[in-house]
Amino acid sequence: MKKLVSILTSLILVAGIVSGCGKQENKNTSEVNKPKEITLKTVSMFGGTDPNAKTYQALNKAFTSANPYVTIEDDSTTSNNEWKTKIAADFAVGNEPDVLFFFTDAQADDVLKANKFVTVDEIRKEYPDYGKDIKADALKGVTASDGKVYALPLTGYYEGLFCNKDLFDKYSLELPTTWDNLMKAVKVFNDNGIIPISVSLNEVPHYWIEHLILSQGGVKDHSLNPKDPNALPDSWVKGLEYFKTLRDAGAFPKDTDVIKDADAGNLFKSKKAAMQLDGSWFANGVEDKDNTTIVAFPTVPGGAKDPTDIIAGFSSGFYITKKAWDDPDKRKAAVDFVMTHTNKDSIAIYWSGAGTPAAECETPKGLPKLMEDGAKMAAAAKGLDAATDSRLKPEAFGTLLRSISDISMGKLTAQEAVKNMVTINAK
């Protein structure tokens, strides 16, 4: 019942938010008594099991209720590599949407090459209130590789090791804040028929790649963008070798090479797995927030990582394409659509205490323990760095992703995998 009341309360708030947006006027745009009916094509990563998918769809519904002349044709799905490739292909052939919620780091480079986005500065010349609630540091955090800002972010992220604390308590285990604690937990959980670490090595090994590199090399080495195949970063090689160490210890699910990321998440949420390495967005989808916690990934033996260092930053946002901007019938609708999602009240709903909001939002009262622990972890961090794929060429990182299962099974050395990745990254 409490969950139902919470959902209804959110929907009521959302309706109010969009009603306010629908009434916004721009002094540079003449009012049209009967706007032409249009279809706004939108694409986002708020699909599948994403915990914010309901918020996104509710805001879309409220937006069309306030703007009945607009029909939203939405295509949202999980942001796996196949989806990213499809987005880039659509832009290359002129099939881009009007509004896109996408990555803002190096993962966006292939899409940016098409030169089909409008900058925030250009939009603000006509709509000065566009993104007015977004904090300056959040906008800076989504600066594209060409030095321009095209997107408005919603929330920033932090990453860490999620733990089902009740399982740790059941077996009198300390949380995995040290490598010894982690490996002891792996053994004890294995001995008791519990999957120690839930992960899909074939689909989303991303978090483990960056954390093992960070753990071995610290923020300094993790922030590298290696491009010399003859001078490989030793810490990257050593860090990725731990994939085999962990697999040999029985840390991962037996079907880790074939399961989907959503299935891995469900193993953790259903208490069939004790730990999962993921981003702050994952917290919203965890039902038992009072018996779940998150800790900074531990430092491997001899590693350079400060125990508090974490992966964090802003890496996604709403874009408006030139296709919508250059269409006089769609321009204002596209702007209003994005502003519906990016005003501070909407951002507060997306945020819900997980990660960091792109606008000044009041911290929700009565946050679950999981959210409080995440906030404390982020506040205590002495070092921060963006995710590894935020700077590597997508095709280079993709090559590394496809190597992880083989590294973990000993079919490919970490040295070979890193060299293959660096060779592509250097092109």
Protein backbone atom coordinates (compact mmCIF):
# COMPACT_ATOMS: atom_id res chain seq x y z
CA MET A 1 0.00 0.00 0.00
CA LYS A 2 2.81 2.40 0.89
CA LYS A 3 4.37 1.75 -2.51
CA LEU A 4 1.07 2.46 -4.28
CA VAL A 5 0.56 5.69 -2.34
CA SER A 6 4.11 6.74 -3.24
CA ILE A 7 3.50 6.13 -6.94
CA LEU A 8 0.21 8.03 -6.92
CA THR A 9 1.80 10.93 -5.05
CA SER A 10 4.55 11.09 -7.64
CA LEU A 11 2.07 11.10 -10.51
CA ILE A 12 0.08 13.92 -8.93
CA LEU A 13 3.29 15.91 -8.51
CA VAL A 14 4.29 15.15 -12.08
CA ALA A 15 0.96 16.44 -13.38
CA GLY A 16 1.53 19.69 -11.54
CA ILE A 17 5.05 20.01 -12.89
CA VAL A 18 3.99 19.60 -16.49
CA SER A 19 1.00 21.86 -16.13
CA GLY A 20 3.42 24.58 -15.13
CA CYS A 21 5.65 23.84 -18.09
CA GLY A 22 2.74 23.84 -20.49
CA LYS A 23 1.85 27.39 -19.46
CA GLN A 24 5.34 28.76 -20.04
CA GLU A 25 5.52 31.42 -22.70
CA ASN A 26 8.50 32.82 -24.51
CA LYS A 27 8.46 36.50 -25.33
CA ASN A 28 10.25 35.82 -28.63
CA THR A 29 7.64 33.32 -29.81
CA SER A 30 4.16 34.36 -30.90
CA GLU A 31 1.29 32.42 -29.42
CA VAL A 32 -0.65 30.19 -31.75
CA ASN A 33 -4.28 29.71 -30.82
CA LYS A 34 -4.57 26.36 -32.51
CA PRO A 35 -1.17 24.71 -32.82
CA LYS A 36 -0.66 22.31 -35.65
CA GLU A 37 -0.85 18.69 -34.60
CA ILE A 38 2.62 17.18 -34.58
CA THR A 39 4.36 13.94 -33.70
CA LEU A 40 7.49 14.27 -31.59
CA LYS A 41 9.88 11.37 -32.06
CA THR A 42 11.76 10.64 -28.83
CA VAL A 43 14.36 8.06 -27.87
CA SER A 44 15.83 7.32 -24.45
CA MET A 45 17.53 4.68 -22.34
CA PHE A 46 14.62 4.71 -19.88
CA GLY A 47 13.40 1.30 -20.91
CA GLY A 48 13.42 -2.29 -19.77
CA THR A 49 14.04 -2.58 -16.04
CA ASP A 50 15.42 0.94 -15.65
CA PRO A 51 14.01 2.20 -12.33
CA ASN A 52 13.29 5.63 -13.84
CA ALA A 53 11.29 4.25 -16.78
CA LYS A 54 8.00 4.86 -14.94
CA THR A 55 8.98 8.44 -14.14
CA TYR A 56 9.93 9.09 -17.76
CA GLN A 57 6.68 7.66 -19.12
CA ALA A 58 4.58 9.47 -16.51
CA LEU A 59 6.17 12.79 -17.44
CA ASN A 60 5.61 12.06 -21.12
CA LYS A 61 1.95 11.31 -20.46
CA ALA A 62 1.48 14.46 -18.39
CA PHE A 63 3.25 16.50 -21.08
CA THR A 64 0.86 15.32 -23.81
CA SER A 65 -2.10 15.96 -21.52
CA ALA A 66 -0.97 19.56 -21.16
CA ASN A 67 -0.12 19.76 -24.88
CA PRO A 68 -2.84 17.73 -26.64
CA TYR A 69 -1.62 18.77 -30.07
CA VAL A 70 1.58 16.74 -29.53
CA THR A 71 1.76 12.98 -29.99
CA ILE A 72 4.91 11.36 -28.62
CA GLU A 73 6.34 8.49 -30.61
CA ASP A 74 8.76 7.08 -28.06
CA ASP A 75 11.34 4.37 -28.54
CA SER A 76 13.05 3.71 -25.21
CA THR A 77 15.03 0.64 -24.30
CA THR A 78 17.97 -0.57 -22.25
CA SER A 79 21.27 1.11 -23.10
CA ASN A 80 23.32 -1.89 -24.14
CA ASN A 81 25.95 -1.87 -26.89
CA GLU A 82 23.46 -3.00 -29.53
CA TRP A 83 21.25 0.01 -28.73
CA LYS A 84 24.20 2.42 -28.85
CA THR A 85 25.21 1.05 -32.25
CA LYS A 86 21.65 1.45 -33.55
CA ILE A 87 21.51 5.08 -32.39
CA ALA A 88 24.76 5.88 -34.22
CA ALA A 89 23.49 4.12 -37.36
CA ASP A 90 20.19 6.05 -37.28
CA PHE A 91 22.04 9.36 -37.09
CA ALA A 92 24.33 8.34 -39.92
CA VAL A 93 21.42 7.66 -42.30
CA GLY A 94 19.20 10.58 -41.31
CA ASN A 95 16.81 8.63 -39.11
CA GLU A 96 17.58 10.52 -35.91
CA PRO A 97 14.77 11.41 -33.45
CA ASP A 98 13.66 14.91 -32.46
CA VAL A 99 14.76 14.49 -28.85
CA LEU A 100 17.31 12.01 -27.56
CA PHE A 101 18.33 11.06 -24.03
CA PHE A 102 21.83 9.68 -24.51
CA PHE A 103 25.36 9.62 -23.19
CA THR A 104 27.45 12.78 -23.13
CA ASP A 105 30.94 11.28 -22.84
CA ALA A 106 33.08 9.48 -25.42
CA GLN A 107 30.21 7.06 -26.03
CA ALA A 108 28.47 9.93 -27.82
CA ASP A 109 31.34 10.68 -30.20
CA ASP A 110 30.03 8.53 -33.04
CA VAL A 111 26.67 10.26 -32.82
CA LEU A 112 28.21 13.73 -32.50
CA LYS A 113 30.15 13.16 -35.74
CA ALA A 114 26.86 13.49 -37.61
CA ASN A 115 26.68 17.16 -36.50
CA LYS A 116 22.94 16.95 -35.89
CA PHE A 117 22.57 18.40 -32.38
CA VAL A 118 21.78 21.97 -31.33
CA THR A 119 23.95 23.48 -28.59
CA VAL A 120 22.44 24.66 -25.32
CA ASP A 121 23.82 28.15 -26.00
CA GLU A 122 22.03 28.33 -29.34
CA ILE A 123 18.74 27.21 -27.82
CA ARG A 124 19.08 29.76 -25.02
CA LYS A 125 19.30 32.60 -27.53
CA GLU A 126 15.64 32.03 -28.30
CA TYR A 127 14.57 30.30 -25.07
CA PRO A 128 16.66 31.91 -22.30
CA ASP A 129 15.04 29.78 -19.59
CA TYR A 130 16.12 26.55 -21.25
CA GLY A 131 17.83 24.46 -18.56
CA LYS A 132 17.71 27.35 -16.09
CA ASP A 133 17.59 24.96 -13.10
CA ILE A 134 20.69 23.01 -14.13
CA LYS A 135 23.76 23.69 -11.99
CA ALA A 136 26.86 25.07 -13.69
CA ASP A 137 29.07 22.16 -12.63
CA ALA A 138 26.52 19.69 -13.98
CA LEU A 139 26.54 21.43 -17.37
CA LYS A 140 30.33 21.43 -17.31
CA GLY A 141 30.22 17.73 -16.58
CA VAL A 142 28.40 17.00 -19.85
CA THR A 143 30.73 19.02 -22.08
CA ALA A 144 31.25 17.11 -25.32
CA SER A 145 34.64 16.19 -26.74
CA ASP A 146 34.48 19.26 -29.01
CA GLY A 147 34.19 21.53 -25.98
CA LYS A 148 30.51 22.38 -26.53
CA VAL A 149 27.45 21.56 -24.41
CA TYR A 150 24.56 19.98 -26.28
CA ALA A 151 22.67 18.16 -23.52
CA LEU A 152 20.83 18.91 -20.29
CA PRO A 153 21.59 16.32 -17.58
CA LEU A 154 19.19 14.94 -14.99
CA THR A 155 21.31 13.24 -12.40
CA GLY A 156 24.93 12.47 -11.81
CA TYR A 157 26.07 9.03 -10.78
CA TYR A 158 28.36 7.27 -8.42
CA GLU A 159 29.29 3.62 -8.56
CA GLY A 160 30.00 1.13 -5.82
CA LEU A 161 29.62 -2.40 -4.55
CA PHE A 162 26.01 -3.07 -3.56
CA CYS A 163 25.69 -5.61 -0.75
CA ASN A 164 22.76 -7.54 0.69
CA LYS A 165 23.75 -6.72 4.25
CA ASP A 166 21.33 -9.22 5.73
CA LEU A 167 23.23 -12.02 3.99
CA PHE A 168 26.52 -10.72 5.34
CA ASP A 169 25.02 -10.57 8.82
CA LYS A 170 23.59 -14.08 8.52
CA TYR A 171 27.06 -15.53 7.98
CA SER A 172 28.85 -13.12 10.34
CA LEU A 173 30.81 -11.56 7.49
CA GLU A 174 32.32 -8.08 7.41
CA LEU A 175 31.37 -5.89 4.48
CA PRO A 176 33.81 -6.06 1.52
CA THR A 177 35.65 -2.81 2.29
CA THR A 178 38.98 -4.67 1.97
CA TRP A 179 40.12 -7.24 -0.57
CA ASP A 180 40.55 -9.87 2.16
CA ASN A 181 36.96 -9.30 3.30
CA LEU A 182 35.76 -9.60 -0.29
CA MET A 183 37.54 -12.86 -1.00
CA LYS A 184 36.47 -14.34 2.36
CA ALA A 185 32.86 -13.45 1.52
CA VAL A 186 33.20 -15.09 -1.90
CA LYS A 187 34.29 -18.35 -0.27
CA VAL A 188 31.67 -18.37 2.48
CA PHE A 189 28.80 -17.53 0.15
CA ASN A 190 29.96 -20.15 -2.32
CA ASP A 191 30.10 -22.77 0.42
CA ASN A 192 26.51 -21.94 1.37
CA GLY A 193 24.98 -22.01 -2.11
CA ILE A 194 24.71 -18.24 -2.54
CA ILE A 195 26.11 -16.52 -5.64
CA PRO A 196 28.81 -14.20 -4.27
CA ILE A 197 28.77 -11.60 -7.07
CA SER A 198 26.04 -11.14 -9.65
CA VAL A 199 27.30 -9.97 -13.06
CA SER A 200 26.75 -10.55 -16.76
CA LEU A 201 30.28 -10.80 -18.18
CA ASN A 202 29.00 -11.05 -21.74
CA GLU A 203 26.69 -8.01 -21.68
CA VAL A 204 27.67 -5.52 -18.95
CA PRO A 205 31.12 -6.14 -17.46
CA HIS A 206 31.72 -2.36 -17.64
CA TYR A 207 31.70 -1.68 -13.92
CA TRP A 208 34.20 -4.42 -13.18
CA ILE A 209 36.57 -3.22 -15.88
CA GLU A 210 36.79 0.29 -14.46
CA HIS A 211 36.85 -0.71 -10.81
CA LEU A 212 39.58 -3.30 -11.21
CA ILE A 213 41.68 -0.75 -13.10
CA LEU A 214 40.93 1.92 -10.48
CA SER A 215 41.68 -0.49 -7.66
CA GLN A 216 45.06 -1.42 -9.12
CA GLY A 217 46.19 1.93 -10.51
CA GLY A 218 44.32 4.53 -8.48
CA VAL A 219 42.64 7.61 -9.93
CA LYS A 220 45.85 8.69 -11.70
CA ASP A 221 46.17 5.56 -13.84
CA HIS A 222 42.45 5.05 -14.22
CA SER A 223 42.13 8.48 -15.84
CA LEU A 224 44.55 7.52 -18.64
CA ASN A 225 43.46 7.35 -22.26
CA PRO A 226 46.16 4.95 -23.55
CA LYS A 227 47.05 5.18 -27.24
CA ASP A 228 50.50 3.58 -27.51
CA PRO A 229 50.37 -0.21 -28.09
CA ASN A 230 54.06 -0.39 -27.21
CA ALA A 231 53.63 1.27 -23.83
CA LEU A 232 50.64 -0.41 -22.19
CA PRO A 233 49.61 0.82 -18.73
CA ASP A 234 50.79 -1.97 -16.45
CA SER A 235 48.08 -1.26 -13.89
CA TRP A 236 45.37 -1.86 -16.50
CA VAL A 237 46.82 -5.26 -17.33
CA LYS A 238 47.27 -6.27 -13.69
CA GLY A 239 43.84 -4.98 -12.76
CA LEU A 240 42.04 -6.93 -15.47
CA GLU A 241 43.89 -10.12 -14.50
CA TYR A 242 41.67 -10.19 -11.42
CA PHE A 243 38.77 -11.29 -13.61
CA LYS A 244 40.38 -14.73 -13.71
CA THR A 245 41.21 -14.60 -10.00
CA LEU A 246 37.60 -13.92 -9.14
CA ARG A 247 36.20 -16.49 -11.56
CA ASP A 248 38.58 -19.17 -10.32
CA ALA A 249 37.36 -18.41 -6.79
CA GLY A 250 33.76 -18.98 -7.87
CA ALA A 251 32.73 -15.36 -7.48
CA PHE A 252 30.42 -15.15 -10.49
CA PRO A 253 27.22 -16.97 -11.51
CA LYS A 254 27.82 -20.21 -13.39
CA ASP A 255 25.99 -18.75 -16.40
CA THR A 256 27.74 -15.36 -16.20
CA ASP A 257 28.74 -15.65 -19.88
CA VAL A 258 25.18 -15.90 -21.16
CA ILE A 259 22.80 -14.16 -18.74
CA LYS A 260 21.48 -10.67 -19.40
CA ASP A 261 22.30 -7.73 -17.19
CA ALA A 262 18.66 -7.53 -16.08
CA ASP A 263 18.83 -11.17 -14.97
CA ALA A 264 21.98 -10.44 -13.01
CA GLY A 265 20.23 -7.57 -11.27
CA ASN A 266 17.28 -9.78 -10.37
CA LEU A 267 19.60 -12.34 -8.79
CA PHE A 268 20.86 -9.66 -6.43
CA LYS A 269 17.46 -8.13 -5.73
CA SER A 270 15.97 -11.55 -4.93
CA LYS A 271 18.81 -12.29 -2.47
CA LYS A 272 20.16 -15.13 -4.59
CA ALA A 273 23.38 -13.16 -4.93
CA ALA A 274 25.19 -11.26 -2.19
CA MET A 275 26.89 -8.48 -4.15
CA GLN A 276 26.57 -6.49 -7.35
CA LEU A 277 28.83 -3.75 -8.71
CA ASP A 278 26.67 -1.05 -10.26
CA GLY A 279 25.76 2.63 -10.46
CA SER A 280 23.61 4.75 -8.18
CA TRP A 281 20.63 4.36 -10.54
CA PHE A 282 20.50 0.70 -9.52
CA ALA A 283 19.44 1.73 -6.01
CA ASN A 284 15.98 2.85 -7.15
CA GLY A 285 15.16 -0.66 -8.34
CA VAL A 286 16.18 -2.35 -5.07
CA GLU A 287 13.09 -3.09 -3.01
CA ASP A 288 14.76 -3.99 0.28
CA LYS A 289 16.60 -0.70 0.72
CA ASP A 290 16.84 -1.05 4.50
CA ASN A 291 18.85 -4.27 4.35
CA THR A 292 20.98 -3.25 1.38
CA THR A 293 24.06 -1.05 1.48
CA ILE A 294 26.77 0.20 -0.85
CA VAL A 295 30.51 0.50 -0.24
CA ALA A 296 33.48 1.79 -2.20
CA PHE A 297 35.19 -1.00 -4.14
CA PRO A 298 38.14 -2.40 -2.16
CA THR A 299 41.78 -2.00 -3.12
CA VAL A 300 43.52 -5.06 -4.57
CA PRO A 301 46.78 -6.21 -2.93
CA GLY A 302 49.46 -3.65 -3.78
CA GLY A 303 46.95 -1.41 -5.53
CA ALA A 304 47.26 2.38 -5.61
CA LYS A 305 43.59 3.17 -4.97
CA ASP A 306 42.71 5.14 -1.87
CA PRO A 307 40.03 3.08 -0.09
CA THR A 308 37.53 5.93 -0.54
CA ASP A 309 38.11 6.58 -4.27
CA ILE A 310 35.04 6.03 -6.45
CA ILE A 311 33.82 6.31 -10.02
CA ALA A 312 31.43 9.29 -10.32
CA GLY A 313 30.29 12.07 -12.65
CA PHE A 314 27.59 13.24 -15.10
CA SER A 315 27.38 11.21 -18.27
CA SER A 316 23.95 11.54 -19.90
CA GLY A 317 21.34 14.11 -20.85
CA PHE A 318 18.59 15.31 -23.17
CA TYR A 319 19.57 16.49 -26.66
CA ILE A 320 17.47 18.36 -29.21
CA THR A 321 18.34 17.54 -32.81
CA LYS A 322 18.51 19.96 -35.71
CA LYS A 323 15.71 17.98 -37.30
CA ALA A 324 13.34 19.25 -34.58
CA TRP A 325 14.98 22.66 -34.18
CA ASP A 326 14.74 23.46 -37.89
CA ASP A 327 11.09 22.45 -38.01
CA PRO A 328 8.99 25.54 -37.02
CA ASP A 329 6.13 23.28 -35.96
CA LYS A 330 8.31 21.13 -33.67
CA ARG A 331 10.83 23.57 -32.22
CA LYS A 332 8.84 24.84 -29.24
CA ALA A 333 7.36 21.39 -28.54
CA ALA A 334 10.83 19.87 -28.38
CA VAL A 335 12.03 22.63 -26.03
CA ASP A 336 8.99 22.28 -23.78
CA PHE A 337 9.38 18.51 -23.75
CA VAL A 338 12.97 18.72 -22.53
CA MET A 339 12.12 21.43 -20.00
CA THR A 340 9.34 19.21 -18.67
CA HIS A 341 11.95 16.60 -17.78
CA THR A 342 14.75 18.94 -16.68
CA ASN A 343 13.11 21.44 -14.33
CA LYS A 344 14.16 21.03 -10.70
CA ASP A 345 10.92 19.39 -9.60
CA SER A 346 11.17 16.69 -12.26
CA ILE A 347 14.85 16.17 -11.53
CA ALA A 348 14.00 15.67 -7.85
CA ILE A 349 11.67 12.82 -8.85
CA TYR A 350 14.27 11.23 -11.12
CA TRP A 351 16.88 11.62 -8.41
CA SER A 352 14.98 10.29 -5.38
CA GLY A 353 18.20 10.39 -3.38
CA ALA A 354 20.18 8.10 -5.69
CA GLY A 355 23.29 9.72 -7.16
CA THR A 356 23.57 13.49 -7.40
CA PRO A 357 20.91 15.83 -8.87
CA ALA A 358 21.81 18.20 -11.71
CA ALA A 359 19.65 20.89 -10.08
CA GLU A 360 19.47 22.24 -6.55
CA CYS A 361 17.04 19.82 -4.93
CA GLU A 362 16.13 19.33 -1.32
CA THR A 363 17.30 16.00 0.07
CA PRO A 364 14.21 13.84 0.44
CA LYS A 365 13.20 13.26 4.05
CA GLY A 366 13.34 9.77 5.45
CA LEU A 367 15.72 8.36 2.87
CA PRO A 368 16.15 4.57 3.07
CA LYS A 369 19.43 3.37 4.54
CA LEU A 370 20.74 2.40 1.11
CA MET A 371 20.40 5.97 -0.16
CA GLU A 372 21.95 7.41 3.01
CA ASP A 373 24.90 5.04 2.72
CA GLY A 374 25.39 6.01 -0.92
CA ALA A 375 25.39 9.71 -0.07
CA LYS A 376 27.93 9.12 2.71
CA MET A 377 30.16 7.09 0.38
CA ALA A 378 30.11 9.85 -2.23
CA ALA A 379 30.77 12.56 0.35
CA ALA A 380 33.72 10.64 1.83
CA ALA A 381 35.47 10.07 -1.50
CA LYS A 382 38.94 11.61 -1.65
CA GLY A 383 39.25 10.88 -5.35
CA LEU A 384 36.72 10.81 -8.19
CA ASP A 385 37.04 9.79 -11.81
CA ALA A 386 34.58 9.30 -14.64
CA ALA A 387 33.88 5.86 -16.06
CA THR A 388 36.57 4.34 -18.30
CA ASP A 389 34.40 4.42 -21.42
CA SER A 390 33.89 8.17 -21.00
CA ARG A 391 37.16 8.79 -22.86
CA LEU A 392 38.06 5.65 -24.81
CA LYS A 393 36.88 5.33 -28.40
CA PRO A 394 33.65 3.29 -28.38
CA GLU A 395 35.04 0.69 -30.76
CA ALA A 396 38.13 0.31 -28.57
CA PHE A 397 36.09 -0.13 -25.42
CA GLY A 398 33.76 -2.49 -27.26
CA THR A 399 36.72 -4.71 -28.14
CA LEU A 400 37.70 -4.81 -24.48
CA LEU A 401 34.15 -5.65 -23.42
CA ARG A 402 34.07 -8.64 -25.74
CA SER A 403 37.33 -9.89 -24.25
CA ILE A 404 36.28 -10.10 -20.61
CA SER A 405 34.73 -13.58 -20.61
CA ASP A 406 37.83 -14.97 -22.33
CA ILE A 407 40.12 -13.21 -19.85
CA SER A 408 38.15 -14.65 -16.94
CA MET A 409 38.43 -18.16 -18.38
CA GLY A 410 42.11 -17.86 -19.24
CA LYS A 411 41.50 -18.07 -22.99
CA LEU A 412 42.99 -14.62 -23.52
CA THR A 413 45.55 -12.78 -21.43
CA ALA A 414 44.79 -9.37 -20.04
CA GLN A 415 47.97 -8.18 -21.76
CA GLU A 416 46.62 -9.21 -25.15
CA ALA A 417 43.22 -7.70 -24.47
CA VAL A 418 44.62 -4.34 -23.39
CA LYS A 419 46.96 -4.24 -26.38
CA ASN A 420 44.08 -4.93 -28.78
CA MET A 421 42.07 -2.17 -27.13
CA VAL A 422 44.91 0.37 -27.17
CA THR A 423 45.70 -0.40 -30.81
CA ILE A 424 42.15 0.50 -31.81
CA ASN A 425 42.07 3.49 -29.47
CA ALA A 426 45.19 4.86 -31.16
CA LYS A 427 43.63 4.98 -34.62
